[in-house]
Amino acid sequence: MWLSRVALLLMVISGGILVAKQYQDYRFFSERLDNRHEHSGFADIQ
């Protein structure tokens, strides 16, 4: 019984870590976009 609880806890923790990593990647990407638009030396990639 306790084993399933441990597995569930691990799933929740790993899910939270994944979301946090994606959020950091999104912030880093948006900051790079802001820097690119400030310098405006690069062509827009769409």
PDB file of N, CA and C in Angstrom:
ATOM      1  N   MET A   1       0.841  -1.206   0.000  1.00  0.00           N
ATOM      2  CA  MET A   1       0.000   0.000   0.000  1.00  0.00           C
ATOM      3  C   MET A   1       0.878   1.258   0.000  1.00  0.00           C
ATOM      4  N   TRP A   2       1.903   1.280   0.867  1.00  0.00           N
ATOM      5  CA  TRP A   2       2.753   2.472   0.952  1.00  0.00           C
ATOM      6  C   TRP A   2       3.590   2.639  -0.303  1.00  0.00           C
ATOM      7  N   LEU A   3       3.820   1.520  -1.028  1.00  0.00           N
ATOM      8  CA  LEU A   3       4.648   1.610  -2.235  1.00  0.00           C
ATOM      9  C   LEU A   3       3.961   2.469  -3.296  1.00  0.00           C
ATOM     10  N   SER A   4       2.648   2.308  -3.434  1.00  0.00           N
ATOM     11  CA  SER A   4       1.929   3.115  -4.431  1.00  0.00           C
ATOM     12  C   SER A   4       1.944   4.593  -4.042  1.00  0.00           C
ATOM     13  N   ARG A   5       1.915   4.849  -2.732  1.00  0.00           N
ATOM     14  CA  ARG A   5       1.975   6.253  -2.301  1.00  0.00           C
ATOM     15  C   ARG A   5       3.326   6.859  -2.644  1.00  0.00           C
ATOM     16  N   VAL A   6       4.397   6.076  -2.458  1.00  0.00           N
ATOM     17  CA  VAL A   6       5.734   6.562  -2.797  1.00  0.00           C
ATOM     18  C   VAL A   6       5.834   6.829  -4.290  1.00  0.00           C
ATOM     19  N   ALA A   7       5.275   5.926  -5.104  1.00  0.00           N
ATOM     20  CA  ALA A   7       5.314   6.110  -6.555  1.00  0.00           C
ATOM     21  C   ALA A   7       4.542   7.368  -6.941  1.00  0.00           C
ATOM     22  N   LEU A   8       3.391   7.581  -6.293  1.00  0.00           N
ATOM     23  CA  LEU A   8       2.591   8.769  -6.594  1.00  0.00           C
ATOM     24  C   LEU A   8       3.349  10.031  -6.214  1.00  0.00           C
ATOM     25  N   LEU A   9       4.028   9.994  -5.065  1.00  0.00           N
ATOM     26  CA  LEU A   9       4.802  11.148  -4.612  1.00  0.00           C
ATOM     27  C   LEU A   9       5.934  11.456  -5.590  1.00  0.00           C
ATOM     28  N   LEU A  10       6.598  10.400  -6.057  1.00  0.00           N
ATOM     29  CA  LEU A  10       7.684  10.603  -7.025  1.00  0.00           C
ATOM     30  C   LEU A  10       7.150  11.208  -8.318  1.00  0.00           C
ATOM     31  N   MET A  11       5.973  10.759  -8.743  1.00  0.00           N
ATOM     32  CA  MET A  11       5.384  11.313  -9.973  1.00  0.00           C
ATOM     33  C   MET A  11       5.098  12.799  -9.798  1.00  0.00           C
ATOM     34  N   VAL A  12       4.549  13.169  -8.639  1.00  0.00           N
ATOM     35  CA  VAL A  12       4.229  14.579  -8.384  1.00  0.00           C
ATOM     36  C   VAL A  12       5.499  15.423  -8.356  1.00  0.00           C
ATOM     37  N   ILE A  13       6.539  14.912  -7.679  1.00  0.00           N
ATOM     38  CA  ILE A  13       7.797  15.664  -7.578  1.00  0.00           C
ATOM     39  C   ILE A  13       8.447  15.824  -8.949  1.00  0.00           C
ATOM     40  N   SER A  14       8.505  14.722  -9.710  1.00  0.00           N
ATOM     41  CA  SER A  14       9.131  14.809 -11.038  1.00  0.00           C
ATOM     42  C   SER A  14       8.328  15.723 -11.951  1.00  0.00           C
ATOM     43  N   GLY A  15       6.998  15.700 -11.824  1.00  0.00           N
ATOM     44  CA  GLY A  15       6.166  16.586 -12.632  1.00  0.00           C
ATOM     45  C   GLY A  15       6.435  18.045 -12.295  1.00  0.00           C
ATOM     46  N   GLY A  16       6.593  18.331 -10.996  1.00  0.00           N
ATOM     47  CA  GLY A  16       6.873  19.699 -10.587  1.00  0.00           C
ATOM     48  C   GLY A  16       8.232  20.160 -11.089  1.00  0.00           C
ATOM     49  N   ILE A  17       9.219  19.269 -11.045  1.00  0.00           N
ATOM     50  CA  ILE A  17      10.557  19.620 -11.538  1.00  0.00           C
ATOM     51  C   ILE A  17      10.495  19.901 -13.037  1.00  0.00           C
ATOM     52  N   LEU A  18       9.728  19.085 -13.768  1.00  0.00           N
ATOM     53  CA  LEU A  18       9.617  19.268 -15.214  1.00  0.00           C
ATOM     54  C   LEU A  18       8.982  20.619 -15.536  1.00  0.00           C
ATOM     55  N   VAL A  19       7.917  20.960 -14.814  1.00  0.00           N
ATOM     56  CA  VAL A  19       7.246  22.247 -15.045  1.00  0.00           C
ATOM     57  C   VAL A  19       8.182  23.407 -14.725  1.00  0.00           C
ATOM     58  N   ALA A  20       8.935  23.268 -13.621  1.00  0.00           N
ATOM     59  CA  ALA A  20       9.859  24.338 -13.237  1.00  0.00           C
ATOM     60  C   ALA A  20      10.938  24.512 -14.301  1.00  0.00           C
ATOM     61  N   LYS A  21      11.440  23.406 -14.849  1.00  0.00           N
ATOM     62  CA  LYS A  21      12.478  23.499 -15.863  1.00  0.00           C
ATOM     63  C   LYS A  21      11.928  24.157 -17.129  1.00  0.00           C
ATOM     64  N   GLN A  22      10.706  23.767 -17.523  1.00  0.00           N
ATOM     65  CA  GLN A  22      10.112  24.373 -18.715  1.00  0.00           C
ATOM     66  C   GLN A  22       9.896  25.867 -18.496  1.00  0.00           C
ATOM     67  N   TYR A  23       9.507  26.256 -17.271  1.00  0.00           N
ATOM     68  CA  TYR A  23       9.296  27.675 -16.972  1.00  0.00           C
ATOM     69  C   TYR A  23      10.607  28.443 -17.057  1.00  0.00           C
ATOM     70  N   GLN A  24      11.705  27.836 -16.542  1.00  0.00           N
ATOM     71  CA  GLN A  24      13.007  28.497 -16.639  1.00  0.00           C
ATOM     72  C   GLN A  24      13.431  28.626 -18.097  1.00  0.00           C
ATOM     73  N   ASP A  25      13.213  27.569 -18.896  1.00  0.00           N
ATOM     74  CA  ASP A  25      13.573  27.635 -20.314  1.00  0.00           C
ATOM     75  C   ASP A  25      12.764  28.719 -21.007  1.00  0.00           C
ATOM     76  N   TYR A  26      11.477  28.859 -20.659  1.00  0.00           N
ATOM     77  CA  TYR A  26      10.627  29.879 -21.275  1.00  0.00           C
ATOM     78  C   TYR A  26      11.118  31.275 -20.902  1.00  0.00           C
ATOM     79  N   ARG A  27      11.459  31.462 -19.615  1.00  0.00           N
ATOM     80  CA  ARG A  27      11.965  32.778 -19.200  1.00  0.00           C
ATOM     81  C   ARG A  27      13.267  33.101 -19.906  1.00  0.00           C
ATOM     82  N   PHE A  28      14.161  32.101 -20.007  1.00  0.00           N
ATOM     83  CA  PHE A  28      15.450  32.325 -20.666  1.00  0.00           C
ATOM     84  C   PHE A  28      15.232  32.677 -22.133  1.00  0.00           C
ATOM     85  N   PHE A  29      14.310  31.973 -22.796  1.00  0.00           N
ATOM     86  CA  PHE A  29      14.035  32.229 -24.209  1.00  0.00           C
ATOM     87  C   PHE A  29      13.427  33.613 -24.404  1.00  0.00           C
ATOM     88  N   SER A  30      12.497  34.001 -23.521  1.00  0.00           N
ATOM     89  CA  SER A  30      11.872  35.319 -23.657  1.00  0.00           C
ATOM     90  C   SER A  30      12.894  36.424 -23.397  1.00  0.00           C
ATOM     91  N   GLU A  31      13.826  36.181 -22.430  1.00  0.00           N
ATOM     92  CA  GLU A  31      14.861  37.176 -22.184  1.00  0.00           C
ATOM     93  C   GLU A  31      15.759  37.315 -23.405  1.00  0.00           C
ATOM     94  N   ARG A  32      16.078  36.195 -24.059  1.00  0.00           N
ATOM     95  CA  ARG A  32      16.909  36.263 -25.258  1.00  0.00           C
ATOM     96  C   ARG A  32      16.184  37.021 -26.360  1.00  0.00           C
ATOM     97  N   LEU A  33      14.865  36.818 -26.455  1.00  0.00           N
ATOM     98  CA  LEU A  33      14.099  37.547 -27.476  1.00  0.00           C
ATOM     99  C   LEU A  33      14.139  39.048 -27.182  1.00  0.00           C
ATOM    100  N   ASP A  34      14.002  39.404 -25.907  1.00  0.00           N
ATOM    101  CA  ASP A  34      14.043  40.821 -25.548  1.00  0.00           C
ATOM    102  C   ASP A  34      15.406  41.414 -25.886  1.00  0.00           C
ATOM    103  N   ASN A  35      16.473  40.688 -25.565  1.00  0.00           N
ATOM    104  CA  ASN A  35      17.816  41.184 -25.869  1.00  0.00           C
ATOM    105  C   ASN A  35      17.994  41.343 -27.373  1.00  0.00           C
ATOM    106  N   ARG A  36      17.472  40.398 -28.136  1.00  0.00           N
ATOM    107  CA  ARG A  36      17.633  40.453 -29.588  1.00  0.00           C
ATOM    108  C   ARG A  36      16.918  41.677 -30.141  1.00  0.00           C
ATOM    109  N   HIS A  37      15.719  41.961 -29.600  1.00  0.00           N
ATOM    110  CA  HIS A  37      14.972  43.111 -30.111  1.00  0.00           C
ATOM    111  C   HIS A  37      15.610  44.423 -29.658  1.00  0.00           C
ATOM    112  N   GLU A  38      16.276  44.398 -28.512  1.00  0.00           N
ATOM    113  CA  GLU A  38      16.948  45.626 -28.059  1.00  0.00           C
ATOM    114  C   GLU A  38      18.119  45.945 -28.986  1.00  0.00           C
ATOM    115  N   HIS A  39      18.909  44.947 -29.337  1.00  0.00           N
ATOM    116  CA  HIS A  39      20.064  45.169 -30.205  1.00  0.00           C
ATOM    117  C   HIS A  39      19.633  45.244 -31.675  1.00  0.00           C
ATOM    118  N   SER A  40      18.584  44.484 -32.019  1.00  0.00           N
ATOM    119  CA  SER A  40      18.013  44.478 -33.361  1.00  0.00           C
ATOM    120  C   SER A  40      19.100  44.279 -34.433  1.00  0.00           C
ATOM    121  N   GLY A  41      20.080  43.425 -34.132  1.00  0.00           N
ATOM    122  CA  GLY A  41      21.118  43.151 -35.116  1.00  0.00           C
ATOM    123  C   GLY A  41      20.871  41.835 -35.820  1.00  0.00           C
ATOM    124  N   PHE A  42      19.825  41.103 -35.366  1.00  0.00           N
ATOM    125  CA  PHE A  42      19.549  39.794 -35.948  1.00  0.00           C
ATOM    126  C   PHE A  42      18.251  39.848 -36.746  1.00  0.00           C
ATOM    127  N   ALA A  43      18.157  38.946 -37.704  1.00  0.00           N
ATOM    128  CA  ALA A  43      16.915  38.861 -38.482  1.00  0.00           C
ATOM    129  C   ALA A  43      15.852  38.131 -37.662  1.00  0.00           C
ATOM    130  N   ASP A  44      14.595  38.501 -37.836  1.00  0.00           N
ATOM    131  CA  ASP A  44      13.527  37.836 -37.098  1.00  0.00           C
ATOM    132  C   ASP A  44      13.344  36.422 -37.627  1.00  0.00           C
ATOM    133  N   ILE A  45      13.255  35.478 -36.696  1.00  0.00           N
ATOM    134  CA  ILE A  45      13.046  34.077 -37.064  1.00  0.00           C
ATOM    135  C   ILE A  45      11.614  33.695 -36.707  1.00  0.00           C
ATOM    136  N   GLN A  46      10.839  33.306 -37.672  1.00  0.00           N
ATOM    137  CA  GLN A  46       9.439  32.947 -37.409  1.00  0.00           C
ATOM    138  C   GLN A  46       9.114  31.600 -38.014  1.00  0.00           C
TER     139      GLN A  46
END
